[in-house]
Amino acid sequence: MRSVRRGQHTSDVEVTNVSSHGMWVLLGERELFLSFEMFPWFRDAPVAKLLRLELPSPGHLYWPDLDIDLAVESIEHPERFPLVSRVRPNRALQRSGRRAARR
């Protein structure tokens, strides 16, 4: 069995560091930072699940253990992809859900 030459990348994408503020993803020659403030669904995930990252297609990242997929563009330009929904909640559905929970 032959080893990969020293200094050569073995993966097209990998998480290189995780801190309390976010994580760094190495994608080819680029390093991207995903802050937990901008991408909150990663904040409480175990590090082992953050590290398991796939590149199913160019420009698309997927964390299979978390069932999260992101376009690289949403990391590079998060202002184009707001996380806040502008749809108003349906109060009637919320009330019926509370009644069902009391039964």
PDB file of N, CA and C in Angstrom:
ATOM      1  N   MET A   1       0.837  -1.168   0.000  1.00  0.00           N
ATOM      2  CA  MET A   1       0.000   0.000   0.000  1.00  0.00           C
ATOM      3  C   MET A   1       0.888   1.239   0.000  1.00  0.00           C
ATOM      4  N   ARG A   2       0.554   2.184  -0.866  1.00  0.00           N
ATOM      5  CA  ARG A   2       1.349   3.405  -0.952  1.00  0.00           C
ATOM      6  C   ARG A   2       0.652   4.542  -0.229  1.00  0.00           C
ATOM      7  N   SER A   3       1.411   5.312   0.475  1.00  0.00           N
ATOM      8  CA  SER A   3       0.884   6.484   1.161  1.00  0.00           C
ATOM      9  C   SER A   3       0.847   7.666   0.205  1.00  0.00           C
ATOM     10  N   VAL A   4       0.013   8.610   0.522  1.00  0.00           N
ATOM     11  CA  VAL A   4      -0.047   9.847  -0.258  1.00  0.00           C
ATOM     12  C   VAL A   4       1.216  10.645   0.034  1.00  0.00           C
ATOM     13  N   ARG A   5       1.731  11.285  -0.987  1.00  0.00           N
ATOM     14  CA  ARG A   5       2.930  12.081  -0.835  1.00  0.00           C
ATOM     15  C   ARG A   5       2.703  13.170   0.215  1.00  0.00           C
ATOM     16  N   ARG A   6       3.699  13.417   1.046  1.00  0.00           N
ATOM     17  CA  ARG A   6       3.611  14.402   2.108  1.00  0.00           C
ATOM     18  C   ARG A   6       3.252  15.776   1.539  1.00  0.00           C
ATOM     19  N   GLY A   7       2.304  16.456   2.197  1.00  0.00           N
ATOM     20  CA  GLY A   7       1.900  17.780   1.768  1.00  0.00           C
ATOM     21  C   GLY A   7       0.777  17.785   0.736  1.00  0.00           C
ATOM     22  N   GLN A   8       0.410  16.622   0.237  1.00  0.00           N
ATOM     23  CA  GLN A   8      -0.648  16.532  -0.757  1.00  0.00           C
ATOM     24  C   GLN A   8      -1.994  16.370  -0.050  1.00  0.00           C
ATOM     25  N   HIS A   9      -3.037  17.075  -0.553  1.00  0.00           N
ATOM     26  CA  HIS A   9      -4.363  16.972   0.044  1.00  0.00           C
ATOM     27  C   HIS A   9      -4.943  15.583  -0.191  1.00  0.00           C
ATOM     28  N   THR A  10      -5.567  15.034   0.842  1.00  0.00           N
ATOM     29  CA  THR A  10      -6.195  13.724   0.723  1.00  0.00           C
ATOM     30  C   THR A  10      -7.704  13.837   0.584  1.00  0.00           C
ATOM     31  N   SER A  11      -8.239  15.034   0.785  1.00  0.00           N
ATOM     32  CA  SER A  11      -9.676  15.240   0.729  1.00  0.00           C
ATOM     33  C   SER A  11      -9.964  16.549  -0.001  1.00  0.00           C
ATOM     34  N   ASP A  12     -11.082  16.581  -0.723  1.00  0.00           N
ATOM     35  CA  ASP A  12     -11.486  17.816  -1.390  1.00  0.00           C
ATOM     36  C   ASP A  12     -12.063  18.819  -0.403  1.00  0.00           C
ATOM     37  N   VAL A  13     -12.578  18.316   0.703  1.00  0.00           N
ATOM     38  CA  VAL A  13     -13.187  19.183   1.715  1.00  0.00           C
ATOM     39  C   VAL A  13     -12.985  18.562   3.089  1.00  0.00           C
ATOM     40  N   GLU A  14     -12.682  19.424   4.082  1.00  0.00           N
ATOM     41  CA  GLU A  14     -12.570  18.935   5.453  1.00  0.00           C
ATOM     42  C   GLU A  14     -12.721  20.081   6.438  1.00  0.00           C
ATOM     43  N   VAL A  15     -13.209  19.744   7.613  1.00  0.00           N
ATOM     44  CA  VAL A  15     -13.275  20.703   8.711  1.00  0.00           C
ATOM     45  C   VAL A  15     -11.897  20.684   9.356  1.00  0.00           C
ATOM     46  N   THR A  16     -11.252  21.849   9.406  1.00  0.00           N
ATOM     47  CA  THR A  16      -9.885  21.907   9.924  1.00  0.00           C
ATOM     48  C   THR A  16      -9.796  22.381  11.361  1.00  0.00           C
ATOM     49  N   ASN A  17     -10.842  23.096  11.837  1.00  0.00           N
ATOM     50  CA  ASN A  17     -10.804  23.605  13.198  1.00  0.00           C
ATOM     51  C   ASN A  17     -12.224  23.918  13.655  1.00  0.00           C
ATOM     52  N   VAL A  18     -12.469  23.681  14.937  1.00  0.00           N
ATOM     53  CA  VAL A  18     -13.761  24.020  15.546  1.00  0.00           C
ATOM     54  C   VAL A  18     -13.455  24.793  16.821  1.00  0.00           C
ATOM     55  N   SER A  19     -14.121  25.936  16.994  1.00  0.00           N
ATOM     56  CA  SER A  19     -13.954  26.723  18.217  1.00  0.00           C
ATOM     57  C   SER A  19     -15.339  27.037  18.775  1.00  0.00           C
ATOM     58  N   SER A  20     -15.378  27.773  19.847  1.00  0.00           N
ATOM     59  CA  SER A  20     -16.663  28.151  20.425  1.00  0.00           C
ATOM     60  C   SER A  20     -17.397  29.177  19.558  1.00  0.00           C
ATOM     61  N   HIS A  21     -16.710  29.738  18.567  1.00  0.00           N
ATOM     62  CA  HIS A  21     -17.305  30.743  17.684  1.00  0.00           C
ATOM     63  C   HIS A  21     -17.769  30.188  16.341  1.00  0.00           C
ATOM     64  N   GLY A  22     -17.220  29.051  15.942  1.00  0.00           N
ATOM     65  CA  GLY A  22     -17.577  28.490  14.645  1.00  0.00           C
ATOM     66  C   GLY A  22     -16.583  27.442  14.199  1.00  0.00           C
ATOM     67  N   MET A  23     -16.603  27.161  12.900  1.00  0.00           N
ATOM     68  CA  MET A  23     -15.682  26.156  12.371  1.00  0.00           C
ATOM     69  C   MET A  23     -15.109  26.617  11.037  1.00  0.00           C
ATOM     70  N   TRP A  24     -13.916  26.104  10.727  1.00  0.00           N
ATOM     71  CA  TRP A  24     -13.235  26.404   9.486  1.00  0.00           C
ATOM     72  C   TRP A  24     -13.295  25.181   8.590  1.00  0.00           C
ATOM     73  N   VAL A  25     -13.643  25.419   7.331  1.00  0.00           N
ATOM     74  CA  VAL A  25     -13.744  24.351   6.348  1.00  0.00           C
ATOM     75  C   VAL A  25     -12.733  24.633   5.246  1.00  0.00           C
ATOM     76  N   LEU A  26     -11.887  23.645   4.964  1.00  0.00           N
ATOM     77  CA  LEU A  26     -10.939  23.751   3.868  1.00  0.00           C
ATOM     78  C   LEU A  26     -11.588  23.133   2.640  1.00  0.00           C
ATOM     79  N   LEU A  27     -11.778  23.945   1.618  1.00  0.00           N
ATOM     80  CA  LEU A  27     -12.424  23.520   0.376  1.00  0.00           C
ATOM     81  C   LEU A  27     -11.440  23.786  -0.751  1.00  0.00           C
ATOM     82  N   GLY A  28     -10.751  22.737  -1.176  1.00  0.00           N
ATOM     83  CA  GLY A  28      -9.693  22.922  -2.167  1.00  0.00           C
ATOM     84  C   GLY A  28      -8.607  23.802  -1.586  1.00  0.00           C
ATOM     85  N   GLU A  29      -8.371  24.942  -2.221  1.00  0.00           N
ATOM     86  CA  GLU A  29      -7.350  25.885  -1.752  1.00  0.00           C
ATOM     87  C   GLU A  29      -7.951  26.992  -0.886  1.00  0.00           C
ATOM     88  N   ARG A  30      -9.269  27.000  -0.700  1.00  0.00           N
ATOM     89  CA  ARG A  30      -9.940  28.045   0.075  1.00  0.00           C
ATOM     90  C   ARG A  30     -10.277  27.564   1.467  1.00  0.00           C
ATOM     91  N   GLU A  31     -10.207  28.477   2.427  1.00  0.00           N
ATOM     92  CA  GLU A  31     -10.642  28.172   3.779  1.00  0.00           C
ATOM     93  C   GLU A  31     -11.831  29.081   4.096  1.00  0.00           C
ATOM     94  N   LEU A  32     -12.935  28.469   4.492  1.00  0.00           N
ATOM     95  CA  LEU A  32     -14.172  29.185   4.783  1.00  0.00           C
ATOM     96  C   LEU A  32     -14.461  29.098   6.276  1.00  0.00           C
ATOM     97  N   PHE A  33     -14.981  30.193   6.842  1.00  0.00           N
ATOM     98  CA  PHE A  33     -15.364  30.189   8.247  1.00  0.00           C
ATOM     99  C   PHE A  33     -16.879  30.211   8.358  1.00  0.00           C
ATOM    100  N   LEU A  34     -17.432  29.286   9.113  1.00  0.00           N
ATOM    101  CA  LEU A  34     -18.866  29.231   9.378  1.00  0.00           C
ATOM    102  C   LEU A  34     -19.066  29.599  10.837  1.00  0.00           C
ATOM    103  N   SER A  35     -19.527  30.819  11.081  1.00  0.00           N
ATOM    104  CA  SER A  35     -19.752  31.228  12.469  1.00  0.00           C
ATOM    105  C   SER A  35     -21.045  30.581  12.967  1.00  0.00           C
ATOM    106  N   PHE A  36     -21.049  30.240  14.244  1.00  0.00           N
ATOM    107  CA  PHE A  36     -22.253  29.657  14.829  1.00  0.00           C
ATOM    108  C   PHE A  36     -23.361  30.696  14.926  1.00  0.00           C
ATOM    109  N   GLU A  37     -23.012  31.965  14.891  1.00  0.00           N
ATOM    110  CA  GLU A  37     -24.028  33.008  14.897  1.00  0.00           C
ATOM    111  C   GLU A  37     -24.793  33.020  13.572  1.00  0.00           C
ATOM    112  N   MET A  38     -24.082  32.861  12.467  1.00  0.00           N
ATOM    113  CA  MET A  38     -24.718  32.862  11.148  1.00  0.00           C
ATOM    114  C   MET A  38     -25.307  31.499  10.786  1.00  0.00           C
ATOM    115  N   PHE A  39     -24.741  30.429  11.319  1.00  0.00           N
ATOM    116  CA  PHE A  39     -25.182  29.063  11.025  1.00  0.00           C
ATOM    117  C   PHE A  39     -25.457  28.343  12.347  1.00  0.00           C
ATOM    118  N   PRO A  40     -26.529  28.729  13.050  1.00  0.00           N
ATOM    119  CA  PRO A  40     -26.775  28.258  14.422  1.00  0.00           C
ATOM    120  C   PRO A  40     -27.042  26.771  14.573  1.00  0.00           C
ATOM    121  N   TRP A  41     -27.453  26.082  13.514  1.00  0.00           N
ATOM    122  CA  TRP A  41     -27.780  24.662  13.653  1.00  0.00           C
ATOM    123  C   TRP A  41     -26.545  23.813  13.905  1.00  0.00           C
ATOM    124  N   PHE A  42     -25.339  24.376  13.739  1.00  0.00           N
ATOM    125  CA  PHE A  42     -24.105  23.640  14.033  1.00  0.00           C
ATOM    126  C   PHE A  42     -23.648  23.831  15.483  1.00  0.00           C
ATOM    127  N   ARG A  43     -24.166  24.838  16.178  1.00  0.00           N
ATOM    128  CA  ARG A  43     -23.656  25.257  17.492  1.00  0.00           C
ATOM    129  C   ARG A  43     -23.603  24.117  18.502  1.00  0.00           C
ATOM    130  N   ASP A  44     -24.651  23.342  18.641  1.00  0.00           N
ATOM    131  CA  ASP A  44     -24.701  22.310  19.676  1.00  0.00           C
ATOM    132  C   ASP A  44     -24.394  20.907  19.160  1.00  0.00           C
ATOM    133  N   ALA A  45     -23.943  20.832  17.922  1.00  0.00           N
ATOM    134  CA  ALA A  45     -23.627  19.520  17.338  1.00  0.00           C
ATOM    135  C   ALA A  45     -22.309  18.985  17.903  1.00  0.00           C
ATOM    136  N   PRO A  46     -22.226  17.698  18.143  1.00  0.00           N
ATOM    137  CA  PRO A  46     -20.957  17.109  18.585  1.00  0.00           C
ATOM    138  C   PRO A  46     -19.875  17.295  17.517  1.00  0.00           C
ATOM    139  N   VAL A  47     -18.658  17.500  17.958  1.00  0.00           N
ATOM    140  CA  VAL A  47     -17.547  17.734  17.031  1.00  0.00           C
ATOM    141  C   VAL A  47     -17.416  16.584  16.033  1.00  0.00           C
ATOM    142  N   ALA A  48     -17.597  15.362  16.466  1.00  0.00           N
ATOM    143  CA  ALA A  48     -17.481  14.218  15.559  1.00  0.00           C
ATOM    144  C   ALA A  48     -18.448  14.332  14.385  1.00  0.00           C
ATOM    145  N   LYS A  49     -19.631  14.870  14.627  1.00  0.00           N
ATOM    146  CA  LYS A  49     -20.607  15.033  13.543  1.00  0.00           C
ATOM    147  C   LYS A  49     -20.263  16.211  12.649  1.00  0.00           C
ATOM    148  N   LEU A  50     -19.629  17.240  13.207  1.00  0.00           N
ATOM    149  CA  LEU A  50     -19.182  18.368  12.390  1.00  0.00           C
ATOM    150  C   LEU A  50     -18.053  17.947  11.453  1.00  0.00           C
ATOM    151  N   LEU A  51     -17.204  17.053  11.925  1.00  0.00           N
ATOM    152  CA  LEU A  51     -16.040  16.640  11.140  1.00  0.00           C
ATOM    153  C   LEU A  51     -16.394  15.773   9.943  1.00  0.00           C
ATOM    154  N   ARG A  52     -17.522  15.098  10.006  1.00  0.00           N
ATOM    155  CA  ARG A  52     -17.927  14.219   8.892  1.00  0.00           C
ATOM    156  C   ARG A  52     -18.634  15.072   7.839  1.00  0.00           C
ATOM    157  N   LEU A  53     -17.872  15.493   6.853  1.00  0.00           N
ATOM    158  CA  LEU A  53     -18.329  16.437   5.837  1.00  0.00           C
ATOM    159  C   LEU A  53     -18.051  15.863   4.454  1.00  0.00           C
ATOM    160  N   GLU A  54     -19.011  16.028   3.561  1.00  0.00           N
ATOM    161  CA  GLU A  54     -18.882  15.519   2.194  1.00  0.00           C
ATOM    162  C   GLU A  54     -19.073  16.650   1.187  1.00  0.00           C
ATOM    163  N   LEU A  55     -18.548  16.433   0.005  1.00  0.00           N
ATOM    164  CA  LEU A  55     -18.701  17.355  -1.118  1.00  0.00           C
ATOM    165  C   LEU A  55     -19.395  16.583  -2.239  1.00  0.00           C
ATOM    166  N   PRO A  56     -20.743  16.500  -2.198  1.00  0.00           N
ATOM    167  CA  PRO A  56     -21.461  15.706  -3.194  1.00  0.00           C
ATOM    168  C   PRO A  56     -21.370  16.276  -4.611  1.00  0.00           C
ATOM    169  N   SER A  57     -21.196  17.584  -4.715  1.00  0.00           N
ATOM    170  CA  SER A  57     -21.010  18.231  -6.014  1.00  0.00           C
ATOM    171  C   SER A  57     -20.282  19.544  -5.783  1.00  0.00           C
ATOM    172  N   PRO A  58     -19.646  20.088  -6.804  1.00  0.00           N
ATOM    173  CA  PRO A  58     -18.943  21.362  -6.615  1.00  0.00           C
ATOM    174  C   PRO A  58     -19.913  22.442  -6.117  1.00  0.00           C
ATOM    175  N   GLY A  59     -19.488  23.161  -5.097  1.00  0.00           N
ATOM    176  CA  GLY A  59     -20.320  24.228  -4.562  1.00  0.00           C
ATOM    177  C   GLY A  59     -21.393  23.776  -3.600  1.00  0.00           C
ATOM    178  N   HIS A  60     -21.328  22.508  -3.162  1.00  0.00           N
ATOM    179  CA  HIS A  60     -22.367  21.961  -2.287  1.00  0.00           C
ATOM    180  C   HIS A  60     -21.715  21.120  -1.196  1.00  0.00           C
ATOM    181  N   LEU A  61     -21.938  21.483   0.074  1.00  0.00           N
ATOM    182  CA  LEU A  61     -21.399  20.758   1.219  1.00  0.00           C
ATOM    183  C   LEU A  61     -22.522  20.015   1.925  1.00  0.00           C
ATOM    184  N   TYR A  62     -22.200  18.841   2.482  1.00  0.00           N
ATOM    185  CA  TYR A  62     -23.212  18.032   3.151  1.00  0.00           C
ATOM    186  C   TYR A  62     -22.632  17.369   4.393  1.00  0.00           C
ATOM    187  N   TRP A  63     -23.312  17.548   5.529  1.00  0.00           N
ATOM    188  CA  TRP A  63     -22.981  16.887   6.782  1.00  0.00           C
ATOM    189  C   TRP A  63     -24.004  15.772   6.977  1.00  0.00           C
ATOM    190  N   PRO A  64     -23.697  14.526   6.601  1.00  0.00           N
ATOM    191  CA  PRO A  64     -24.690  13.445   6.649  1.00  0.00           C
ATOM    192  C   PRO A  64     -25.193  13.113   8.049  1.00  0.00           C
ATOM    193  N   ASP A  65     -24.352  13.211   9.061  1.00  0.00           N
ATOM    194  CA  ASP A  65     -24.797  12.883  10.421  1.00  0.00           C
ATOM    195  C   ASP A  65     -25.777  13.910  10.972  1.00  0.00           C
ATOM    196  N   LEU A  66     -25.762  15.107  10.400  1.00  0.00           N
ATOM    197  CA  LEU A  66     -26.653  16.181  10.843  1.00  0.00           C
ATOM    198  C   LEU A  66     -27.773  16.445   9.838  1.00  0.00           C
ATOM    199  N   ASP A  67     -27.686  15.813   8.679  1.00  0.00           N
ATOM    200  CA  ASP A  67     -28.622  16.025   7.566  1.00  0.00           C
ATOM    201  C   ASP A  67     -28.728  17.518   7.225  1.00  0.00           C
ATOM    202  N   ILE A  68     -27.561  18.152   7.114  1.00  0.00           N
ATOM    203  CA  ILE A  68     -27.479  19.569   6.753  1.00  0.00           C
ATOM    204  C   ILE A  68     -26.689  19.682   5.467  1.00  0.00           C
ATOM    205  N   ASP A  69     -27.265  20.385   4.501  1.00  0.00           N
ATOM    206  CA  ASP A  69     -26.509  20.679   3.292  1.00  0.00           C
ATOM    207  C   ASP A  69     -26.549  22.180   3.039  1.00  0.00           C
ATOM    208  N   LEU A  70     -25.426  22.696   2.547  1.00  0.00           N
ATOM    209  CA  LEU A  70     -25.282  24.125   2.305  1.00  0.00           C
ATOM    210  C   LEU A  70     -24.634  24.366   0.957  1.00  0.00           C
ATOM    211  N   ALA A  71     -25.077  25.403   0.303  1.00  0.00           N
ATOM    212  CA  ALA A  71     -24.384  25.878  -0.883  1.00  0.00           C
ATOM    213  C   ALA A  71     -23.192  26.694  -0.402  1.00  0.00           C
ATOM    214  N   VAL A  72     -22.049  26.520  -1.043  1.00  0.00           N
ATOM    215  CA  VAL A  72     -20.860  27.291  -0.686  1.00  0.00           C
ATOM    216  C   VAL A  72     -21.163  28.782  -0.785  1.00  0.00           C
ATOM    217  N   GLU A  73     -21.983  29.158  -1.734  1.00  0.00           N
ATOM    218  CA  GLU A  73     -22.359  30.560  -1.904  1.00  0.00           C
ATOM    219  C   GLU A  73     -23.025  31.110  -0.641  1.00  0.00           C
ATOM    220  N   SER A  74     -23.791  30.295   0.074  1.00  0.00           N
ATOM    221  CA  SER A  74     -24.452  30.771   1.297  1.00  0.00           C
ATOM    222  C   SER A  74     -23.443  31.022   2.410  1.00  0.00           C
ATOM    223  N   ILE A  75     -22.283  30.390   2.342  1.00  0.00           N
ATOM    224  CA  ILE A  75     -21.213  30.635   3.316  1.00  0.00           C
ATOM    225  C   ILE A  75     -20.442  31.890   2.931  1.00  0.00           C
ATOM    226  N   GLU A  76     -20.150  32.012   1.647  1.00  0.00           N
ATOM    227  CA  GLU A  76     -19.389  33.165   1.165  1.00  0.00           C
ATOM    228  C   GLU A  76     -20.207  34.449   1.185  1.00  0.00           C
ATOM    229  N   HIS A  77     -21.527  34.354   0.993  1.00  0.00           N
ATOM    230  CA  HIS A  77     -22.416  35.522   0.944  1.00  0.00           C
ATOM    231  C   HIS A  77     -23.675  35.262   1.772  1.00  0.00           C
ATOM    232  N   PRO A  78     -23.546  35.153   3.104  1.00  0.00           N
ATOM    233  CA  PRO A  78     -24.718  34.832   3.932  1.00  0.00           C
ATOM    234  C   PRO A  78     -25.809  35.895   3.869  1.00  0.00           C
ATOM    235  N   GLU A  79     -25.455  37.118   3.525  1.00  0.00           N
ATOM    236  CA  GLU A  79     -26.472  38.178   3.441  1.00  0.00           C
ATOM    237  C   GLU A  79     -27.496  37.901   2.343  1.00  0.00           C
ATOM    238  N   ARG A  80     -27.167  37.072   1.383  1.00  0.00           N
ATOM    239  CA  ARG A  80     -28.100  36.711   0.312  1.00  0.00           C
ATOM    240  C   ARG A  80     -29.085  35.626   0.736  1.00  0.00           C
ATOM    241  N   PHE A  81     -28.831  35.001   1.904  1.00  0.00           N
ATOM    242  CA  PHE A  81     -29.632  33.874   2.360  1.00  0.00           C
ATOM    243  C   PHE A  81     -30.075  34.110   3.803  1.00  0.00           C
ATOM    244  N   PRO A  82     -31.042  34.999   4.027  1.00  0.00           N
ATOM    245  CA  PRO A  82     -31.457  35.307   5.410  1.00  0.00           C
ATOM    246  C   PRO A  82     -32.084  34.093   6.086  1.00  0.00           C
ATOM    247  N   LEU A  83     -31.819  33.956   7.373  1.00  0.00           N
ATOM    248  CA  LEU A  83     -32.352  32.829   8.144  1.00  0.00           C
ATOM    249  C   LEU A  83     -33.711  33.131   8.746  1.00  0.00           C
ATOM    250  N   VAL A  84     -34.145  34.371   8.709  1.00  0.00           N
ATOM    251  CA  VAL A  84     -35.396  34.767   9.341  1.00  0.00           C
ATOM    252  C   VAL A  84     -36.529  34.681   8.337  1.00  0.00           C
ATOM    253  N   SER A  85     -37.545  33.937   8.698  1.00  0.00           N
ATOM    254  CA  SER A  85     -38.709  33.804   7.832  1.00  0.00           C
ATOM    255  C   SER A  85     -39.560  35.055   7.917  1.00  0.00           C
ATOM    256  N   ARG A  86     -40.092  35.468   6.788  1.00  0.00           N
ATOM    257  CA  ARG A  86     -40.977  36.630   6.767  1.00  0.00           C
ATOM    258  C   ARG A  86     -42.448  36.210   6.807  1.00  0.00           C
ATOM    259  N   VAL A  87     -42.701  34.923   6.906  1.00  0.00           N
ATOM    260  CA  VAL A  87     -44.062  34.399   6.963  1.00  0.00           C
ATOM    261  C   VAL A  87     -44.552  34.499   8.392  1.00  0.00           C
ATOM    262  N   ARG A  88     -45.785  34.982   8.572  1.00  0.00           N
ATOM    263  CA  ARG A  88     -46.366  35.068   9.905  1.00  0.00           C
ATOM    264  C   ARG A  88     -46.822  33.691  10.368  1.00  0.00           C
ATOM    265  N   PRO A  89     -46.668  33.391  11.661  1.00  0.00           N
ATOM    266  CA  PRO A  89     -47.145  32.102  12.165  1.00  0.00           C
ATOM    267  C   PRO A  89     -48.667  32.038  12.117  1.00  0.00           C
ATOM    268  N   ASN A  90     -49.207  30.858  11.883  1.00  0.00           N
ATOM    269  CA  ASN A  90     -50.646  30.644  11.855  1.00  0.00           C
ATOM    270  C   ASN A  90     -51.102  30.372  13.292  1.00  0.00           C
ATOM    271  N   ARG A  91     -51.715  31.362  13.921  1.00  0.00           N
ATOM    272  CA  ARG A  91     -52.132  31.253  15.328  1.00  0.00           C
ATOM    273  C   ARG A  91     -53.144  30.122  15.543  1.00  0.00           C
ATOM    274  N   ALA A  92     -54.010  29.897  14.577  1.00  0.00           N
ATOM    275  CA  ALA A  92     -55.017  28.837  14.721  1.00  0.00           C
ATOM    276  C   ALA A  92     -54.346  27.471  14.845  1.00  0.00           C
ATOM    277  N   LEU A  93     -53.308  27.238  14.072  1.00  0.00           N
ATOM    278  CA  LEU A  93     -52.598  25.964  14.154  1.00  0.00           C
ATOM    279  C   LEU A  93     -51.873  25.831  15.482  1.00  0.00           C
ATOM    280  N   GLN A  94     -51.322  26.921  15.980  1.00  0.00           N
ATOM    281  CA  GLN A  94     -50.618  26.871  17.258  1.00  0.00           C
ATOM    282  C   GLN A  94     -51.580  26.572  18.404  1.00  0.00           C
ATOM    283  N   ARG A  95     -52.788  27.172  18.377  1.00  0.00           N
ATOM    284  CA  ARG A  95     -53.767  26.915  19.439  1.00  0.00           C
ATOM    285  C   ARG A  95     -54.222  25.475  19.428  1.00  0.00           C
ATOM    286  N   SER A  96     -54.499  24.931  18.263  1.00  0.00           N
ATOM    287  CA  SER A  96     -54.973  23.546  18.209  1.00  0.00           C
ATOM    288  C   SER A  96     -53.890  22.588  18.678  1.00  0.00           C
ATOM    289  N   GLY A  97     -52.629  22.923  18.439  1.00  0.00           N
ATOM    290  CA  GLY A  97     -51.527  22.095  18.903  1.00  0.00           C
ATOM    291  C   GLY A  97     -51.425  22.078  20.416  1.00  0.00           C
ATOM    292  N   ARG A  98     -51.684  23.235  21.048  1.00  0.00           N
ATOM    293  CA  ARG A  98     -51.650  23.313  22.515  1.00  0.00           C
ATOM    294  C   ARG A  98     -52.785  22.515  23.131  1.00  0.00           C
ATOM    295  N   ARG A  99     -53.971  22.612  22.530  1.00  0.00           N
ATOM    296  CA  ARG A  99     -55.119  21.846  23.044  1.00  0.00           C
ATOM    297  C   ARG A  99     -54.838  20.348  22.959  1.00  0.00           C
ATOM    298  N   ALA A 100     -54.259  19.913  21.865  1.00  0.00           N
ATOM    299  CA  ALA A 100     -53.977  18.494  21.682  1.00  0.00           C
ATOM    300  C   ALA A 100     -52.959  18.033  22.722  1.00  0.00           C
ATOM    301  N   ALA A 101     -52.017  18.898  23.083  1.00  0.00           N
ATOM    302  CA  ALA A 101     -50.992  18.524  24.060  1.00  0.00           C
ATOM    303  C   ALA A 101     -51.576  18.373  25.471  1.00  0.00           C
ATOM    304  N   ARG A 102     -52.646  19.143  25.775  1.00  0.00           N
ATOM    305  CA  ARG A 102     -53.272  19.059  27.104  1.00  0.00           C
ATOM    306  C   ARG A 102     -54.070  17.786  27.294  1.00  0.00           C
ATOM    307  N   ARG A 103     -54.536  17.191  26.228  1.00  0.00           N
ATOM    308  CA  ARG A 103     -55.424  16.007  26.340  1.00  0.00           C
ATOM    309  C   ARG A 103     -54.705  14.812  26.812  1.00  0.00           C
TER     310      ARG A 103
END
